[in-house]
C-alpha atoms as a PDB file:
ATOM      1  CA  MET A   1     113.278  89.981 171.325  1.00  0.00           C
ATOM      2  CA  LYS A   2     113.065  87.294 173.823  1.00  0.00           C
ATOM      3  CA  SER A   3     109.775  86.282 175.492  1.00  0.00           C
ATOM      4  CA  ARG A   4     109.476  86.261 179.202  1.00  0.00           C
ATOM      5  CA  PHE A   5     109.298  82.618 179.400  1.00  0.00           C
ATOM      6  CA  LEU A   6     112.375  82.039 177.724  1.00  0.00           C
ATOM      7  CA  ALA A   7     113.982  84.530 179.892  1.00  0.00           C
ATOM      8  CA  GLU A   8     112.773  82.960 183.057  1.00  0.00           C
ATOM      9  CA  ASN A   9     113.263  79.277 182.321  1.00  0.00           C
ATOM     10  CA  ARG A  10     116.614  79.486 180.590  1.00  0.00           C
ATOM     11  CA  TRP A  11     118.306  77.223 182.989  1.00  0.00           C
ATOM     12  CA  LEU A  12     115.723  74.625 182.841  1.00  0.00           C
ATOM     13  CA  LEU A  13     115.627  74.723 179.074  1.00  0.00           C
ATOM     14  CA  LYS A  14     119.252  74.527 178.690  1.00  0.00           C
ATOM     15  CA  LEU A  15     119.183  71.541 181.096  1.00  0.00           C
ATOM     16  CA  CYS A  16     116.185  69.797 178.974  1.00  0.00           C
ATOM     17  CA  SER A  17     118.231  70.429 175.760  1.00  0.00           C
ATOM     18  CA  GLU A  18     121.319  68.854 177.118  1.00  0.00           C
ATOM     19  CA  ALA A  19     119.473  65.912 178.461  1.00  0.00           C
ATOM     20  CA  ALA A  20     117.638  65.503 175.361  1.00  0.00           C
ATOM     21  CA  ARG A  21     121.065  65.692 173.309  1.00  0.00           C
ATOM     22  CA  PHE A  22     122.632  63.202 175.808  1.00  0.00           C
ATOM     23  CA  VAL A  23     119.640  60.532 175.343  1.00  0.00           C
ATOM     24  CA  GLY A  24     119.581  61.203 171.584  1.00  0.00           C
ATOM     25  CA  LEU A  25     123.326  60.388 171.148  1.00  0.00           C
ATOM     26  CA  LEU A  26     123.095  57.491 173.468  1.00  0.00           C
ATOM     27  CA  ALA A  27     120.176  56.014 171.547  1.00  0.00           C
ATOM     28  CA  LEU A  28     122.237  56.297 168.138  1.00  0.00           C
ATOM     29  CA  LEU A  29     125.530  55.032 169.844  1.00  0.00           C
ATOM     30  CA  GLY A  30     123.338  51.995 171.224  1.00  0.00           C
ATOM     31  CA  THR A  31     121.740  51.258 167.951  1.00  0.00           C
ATOM     32  CA  GLY A  32     125.217  51.555 166.387  1.00  0.00           C
ATOM     33  CA  VAL A  33     126.634  48.986 169.059  1.00  0.00           C
ATOM     34  CA  LEU A  34     123.442  46.556 168.405  1.00  0.00           C
ATOM     35  CA  ILE A  35     124.141  46.302 164.587  1.00  0.00           C
ATOM     36  CA  ALA A  36     127.849  45.844 165.313  1.00  0.00           C
ATOM     37  CA  MET A  37     127.342  42.989 167.689  1.00  0.00           C
ATOM     38  CA  LEU A  38     124.898  41.228 165.188  1.00  0.00           C
ATOM     39  CA  VAL A  39     127.573  41.662 162.278  1.00  0.00           C
ATOM     40  CA  VAL A  40     130.309  40.517 164.602  1.00  0.00           C
ATOM     41  CA  GLY A  41     128.418  37.485 165.734  1.00  0.00           C
ATOM     42  CA  GLN A  42     127.410  36.706 162.207  1.00  0.00           C
ATOM     43  CA  MET A  43     130.973  36.962 160.957  1.00  0.00           C
ATOM     44  CA  SER A  44     132.559  35.025 163.755  1.00  0.00           C
ATOM     45  CA  GLY A  45     129.883  32.353 163.354  1.00  0.00           C
ATOM     46  CA  ALA A  46     129.541  32.252 167.175  1.00  0.00           C
ATOM     47  CA  MET A  47     125.694  32.499 166.920  1.00  0.00           C
ATOM     48  CA  ASP A  48     123.673  29.574 165.718  1.00  0.00           C
ATOM     49  CA  SER A  49     121.528  30.271 162.875  1.00  0.00           C
ATOM     50  CA  ASN A  50     118.149  30.012 164.826  1.00  0.00           C
ATOM     51  CA  VAL A  51     119.405  32.852 167.279  1.00  0.00           C
ATOM     52  CA  LEU A  52     120.972  34.784 164.288  1.00  0.00           C
ATOM     53  CA  GLU A  53     117.617  34.901 162.488  1.00  0.00           C
ATOM     54  CA  LYS A  54     115.588  36.060 165.391  1.00  0.00           C
ATOM     55  CA  SER A  55     118.202  38.498 166.223  1.00  0.00           C
ATOM     56  CA  ARG A  56     118.104  39.835 162.707  1.00  0.00           C
ATOM     57  CA  ASP A  57     114.432  40.191 162.657  1.00  0.00           C
ATOM     58  CA  GLN A  58     114.243  42.046 166.011  1.00  0.00           C
ATOM     59  CA  LEU A  59     117.006  44.327 164.813  1.00  0.00           C
ATOM     60  CA  LEU A  60     115.052  44.908 161.478  1.00  0.00           C
ATOM     61  CA  THR A  61     112.171  46.144 163.773  1.00  0.00           C
ATOM     62  CA  MET A  62     113.869  47.679 166.823  1.00  0.00           C
ATOM     63  CA  ALA A  63     117.108  49.407 165.631  1.00  0.00           C
ATOM     64  CA  PRO A  64     115.454  51.856 163.358  1.00  0.00           C
ATOM     65  CA  THR A  65     112.874  52.850 165.822  1.00  0.00           C
ATOM     66  CA  ILE A  66     115.474  53.386 168.679  1.00  0.00           C
ATOM     67  CA  ALA A  67     117.550  55.207 166.035  1.00  0.00           C
ATOM     68  CA  PHE A  68     114.418  57.462 165.047  1.00  0.00           C
ATOM     69  CA  TYR A  69     113.739  58.297 168.493  1.00  0.00           C
ATOM     70  CA  GLY A  70     117.490  59.275 169.301  1.00  0.00           C
ATOM     71  CA  PHE A  71     117.289  61.447 166.137  1.00  0.00           C
ATOM     72  CA  LEU A  72     114.002  62.871 167.562  1.00  0.00           C
ATOM     73  CA  ALA A  73     115.544  63.826 170.857  1.00  0.00           C
ATOM     74  CA  LEU A  74     118.511  65.609 169.086  1.00  0.00           C
ATOM     75  CA  VAL A  75     115.976  67.469 166.909  1.00  0.00           C
ATOM     76  CA  PHE A  76     114.125  68.621 170.285  1.00  0.00           C
ATOM     77  CA  ALA A  77     117.582  69.463 171.811  1.00  0.00           C
ATOM     78  CA  GLU A  78     118.344  71.608 168.665  1.00  0.00           C
ATOM     79  CA  PHE A  79     115.095  73.275 168.669  1.00  0.00           C
ATOM     80  CA  ILE A  80     115.454  74.348 172.368  1.00  0.00           C
ATOM     81  CA  SER A  81     119.004  75.644 171.651  1.00  0.00           C
ATOM     82  CA  TYR A  82     117.878  77.481 168.502  1.00  0.00           C
ATOM     83  CA  LEU A  83     115.056  79.086 170.636  1.00  0.00           C
ATOM     84  CA  LEU A  84     117.471  80.217 173.411  1.00  0.00           C
ATOM     85  CA  ALA A  85     120.020  81.497 170.844  1.00  0.00           C
ATOM     86  CA  SER A  86     119.861  85.089 169.878  1.00  0.00           C
ATOM     87  CA  GLU A  87     120.919  84.759 166.338  1.00  0.00           C
ATOM     88  CA  GLY A  88     122.126  82.311 163.763  1.00  0.00           C
ATOM     89  CA  GLU A  89     120.450  79.697 161.499  1.00  0.00           C
ATOM     90  CA  PRO A  90     119.137  76.457 162.557  1.00  0.00           C
ATOM     91  CA  LYS A  91     121.426  73.428 162.040  1.00  0.00           C
ATOM     92  CA  TRP A  92     120.946  70.707 159.456  1.00  0.00           C
ATOM     93  CA  ILE A  93     119.160  68.294 162.040  1.00  0.00           C
ATOM     94  CA  LEU A  94     116.554  71.146 162.675  1.00  0.00           C
ATOM     95  CA  ARG A  95     116.057  72.125 158.989  1.00  0.00           C
ATOM     96  CA  HIS A  96     115.574  68.564 157.818  1.00  0.00           C
ATOM     97  CA  GLY A  97     113.981  66.888 160.759  1.00  0.00           C
ATOM     98  CA  ASN A  98     110.571  66.926 158.901  1.00  0.00           C
ATOM     99  CA  LYS A  99     112.001  64.614 156.140  1.00  0.00           C
ATOM    100  CA  VAL A 100     113.448  62.055 158.541  1.00  0.00           C
ATOM    101  CA  ILE A 101     109.979  61.802 160.239  1.00  0.00           C
ATOM    102  CA  TYR A 102     108.445  61.303 156.829  1.00  0.00           C
ATOM    103  CA  ALA A 103     111.071  58.588 155.983  1.00  0.00           C
ATOM    104  CA  TYR A 104     110.359  56.953 159.431  1.00  0.00           C
ATOM    105  CA  VAL A 105     106.508  56.914 158.837  1.00  0.00           C
ATOM    106  CA  LEU A 106     107.037  55.175 155.569  1.00  0.00           C
ATOM    107  CA  TYR A 107     109.517  52.742 157.144  1.00  0.00           C
ATOM    108  CA  PHE A 108     106.926  52.117 159.919  1.00  0.00           C
ATOM    109  CA  VAL A 109     104.170  51.383 157.653  1.00  0.00           C
ATOM    110  CA  VAL A 110     106.192  49.030 155.668  1.00  0.00           C
ATOM    111  CA  MET A 111     107.566  47.245 158.542  1.00  0.00           C
ATOM    112  CA  THR A 112     104.046  47.015 160.265  1.00  0.00           C
ATOM    113  CA  ILE A 113     102.745  45.312 156.875  1.00  0.00           C
ATOM    114  CA  TYR A 114     105.801  43.013 157.026  1.00  0.00           C
ATOM    115  CA  VAL A 115     105.322  41.898 160.505  1.00  0.00           C
ATOM    116  CA  ALA A 116     101.470  41.673 160.063  1.00  0.00           C
ATOM    117  CA  LEU A 117     102.087  39.327 157.080  1.00  0.00           C
ATOM    118  CA  ARG A 118     104.485  37.033 158.990  1.00  0.00           C
ATOM    119  CA  THR A 119     102.216  36.836 161.958  1.00  0.00           C
ATOM    120  CA  PRO A 120     100.257  33.392 161.836  1.00  0.00           C
ATOM    121  CA  ASN A 121      96.931  35.081 163.175  1.00  0.00           C
ATOM    122  CA  THR A 122      96.971  37.259 159.850  1.00  0.00           C
ATOM    123  CA  GLU A 123      98.150  34.367 157.625  1.00  0.00           C
ATOM    124  CA  ALA A 124      96.066  34.839 154.606  1.00  0.00           C
ATOM    125  CA  LEU A 125      92.985  35.360 156.577  1.00  0.00           C
ATOM    126  CA  ARG A 126      92.025  31.835 156.024  1.00  0.00           C
ATOM    127  CA  GLY A 127      88.919  30.912 157.932  1.00  0.00           C
ATOM    128  CA  ILE A 128      88.135  34.509 158.984  1.00  0.00           C
ATOM    129  CA  ASP A 129      87.145  34.521 162.468  1.00  0.00           C
ATOM    130  CA  PHE A 130      86.482  37.249 165.269  1.00  0.00           C
ATOM    131  CA  HIS A 131      89.905  36.880 166.682  1.00  0.00           C
ATOM    132  CA  ARG A 132      91.842  37.712 163.405  1.00  0.00           C
ATOM    133  CA  VAL A 133      89.611  40.339 162.474  1.00  0.00           C
ATOM    134  CA  LEU A 134      90.029  42.175 165.827  1.00  0.00           C
ATOM    135  CA  ASN A 135      93.653  41.896 165.727  1.00  0.00           C
ATOM    136  CA  LEU A 136      94.113  43.121 162.187  1.00  0.00           C
ATOM    137  CA  SER A 137      91.721  46.016 162.901  1.00  0.00           C
ATOM    138  CA  LEU A 138      93.657  47.061 165.890  1.00  0.00           C
ATOM    139  CA  LEU A 139      96.844  46.987 164.065  1.00  0.00           C
ATOM    140  CA  ILE A 140      95.349  49.009 161.398  1.00  0.00           C
ATOM    141  CA  ALA A 141      93.851  51.597 163.870  1.00  0.00           C
ATOM    142  CA  SER A 142      97.015  51.930 165.848  1.00  0.00           C
ATOM    143  CA  THR A 143      99.243  52.359 162.826  1.00  0.00           C
ATOM    144  CA  GLY A 144      96.908  54.875 161.461  1.00  0.00           C
ATOM    145  CA  VAL A 145      96.931  56.933 164.598  1.00  0.00           C
ATOM    146  CA  LYS A 146     100.704  56.709 165.061  1.00  0.00           C
ATOM    147  CA  VAL A 147     101.310  57.691 161.348  1.00  0.00           C
ATOM    148  CA  LEU A 148      98.922  60.699 161.712  1.00  0.00           C
ATOM    149  CA  ILE A 149     100.545  61.833 164.904  1.00  0.00           C
ATOM    150  CA  TRP A 150     104.139  61.693 163.302  1.00  0.00           C
ATOM    151  CA  ILE A 151     102.783  63.402 160.169  1.00  0.00           C
ATOM    152  CA  GLY A 152     101.309  66.131 162.297  1.00  0.00           C
ATOM    153  CA  ILE A 153     104.763  66.568 164.330  1.00  0.00           C
ATOM    154  CA  ALA A 154     106.628  66.840 160.933  1.00  0.00           C
ATOM    155  CA  LEU A 155     104.086  69.460 159.497  1.00  0.00           C
ATOM    156  CA  VAL A 156     104.332  71.366 162.644  1.00  0.00           C
ATOM    157  CA  LEU A 157     108.098  71.299 162.510  1.00  0.00           C
ATOM    158  CA  GLN A 158     108.118  72.285 158.997  1.00  0.00           C
ATOM    159  CA  LYS A 159     106.010  75.412 159.516  1.00  0.00           C
ATOM    160  CA  VAL A 160     107.559  76.477 163.071  1.00  0.00           C
ATOM    161  CA  VAL A 161     111.103  76.695 162.240  1.00  0.00           C
ATOM    162  CA  PRO A 162     110.912  79.306 159.321  1.00  0.00           C
ATOM    163  CA  ILE A 163     108.466  81.493 161.699  1.00  0.00           C
ATOM    164  CA  ILE A 164     111.265  81.485 164.356  1.00  0.00           C
ATOM    165  CA  ARG A 165     113.967  82.073 161.852  1.00  0.00           C
ATOM    166  CA  GLU A 166     111.846  85.122 160.617  1.00  0.00           C
ATOM    167  CA  SER A 167     111.088  86.600 163.898  1.00  0.00           C
ATOM    168  CA  LYS A 168     114.772  86.371 164.745  1.00  0.00           C
ATOM    169  CA  THR A 169     115.733  88.482 161.626  1.00  0.00           C
ATOM    170  CA  LEU A 170     113.087  91.156 162.594  1.00  0.00           C
ATOM    171  CA  VAL A 171     114.810  92.006 166.008  1.00  0.00           C
END
C-alpha cells in the first residue's frame, strides 16, 4: 500500500534518488583518484618529501570523510529507491549502512584525537591558558555533537529499514 505522498511526488523522489546516487559515486570515484594520485606521486618520486608528507596528512583526514559522505549519499539513494519499489529486499548498502556509520564515527573520533595531539595549541597543555582550554573544549564539544548526530542517524536507519520491510510484506 503506497502512501499518497509517495504517489504524488514519485518523479521528484526518483530525481532525488538519482542525484544522490550520482553525487555518491562521484565522491567515491574522487576519493579513489586522490589516493591514486598520491600513490603515483610517491612512487615516481615527482613530489618532494615535504609536499608528500602534507598531502598524506590531508589525505588521512579528508579522503575517508569524502568517501563516507559518498557512501551516505548512496544509502540515501537506495533508501528512496526502496521506498518507491513495490516489493523486494533492501540491498546490501541499505541493510549495513548503520555499521558503516558506526565505523566512521570510530574513525572520526580517532582522527580528531590524532589531529588534536599534533596541533601546537594542545601540545601537552603545558602552560594552560584560556586560549588552549577554549580550543580544546570547543573541539571536544563539536566532536561530541557530531558523534551523537551520526549515532542517532545510524540508530534510525537500523530501526526504520526493518519496519519498511515488514510493511511491504503485509500488503
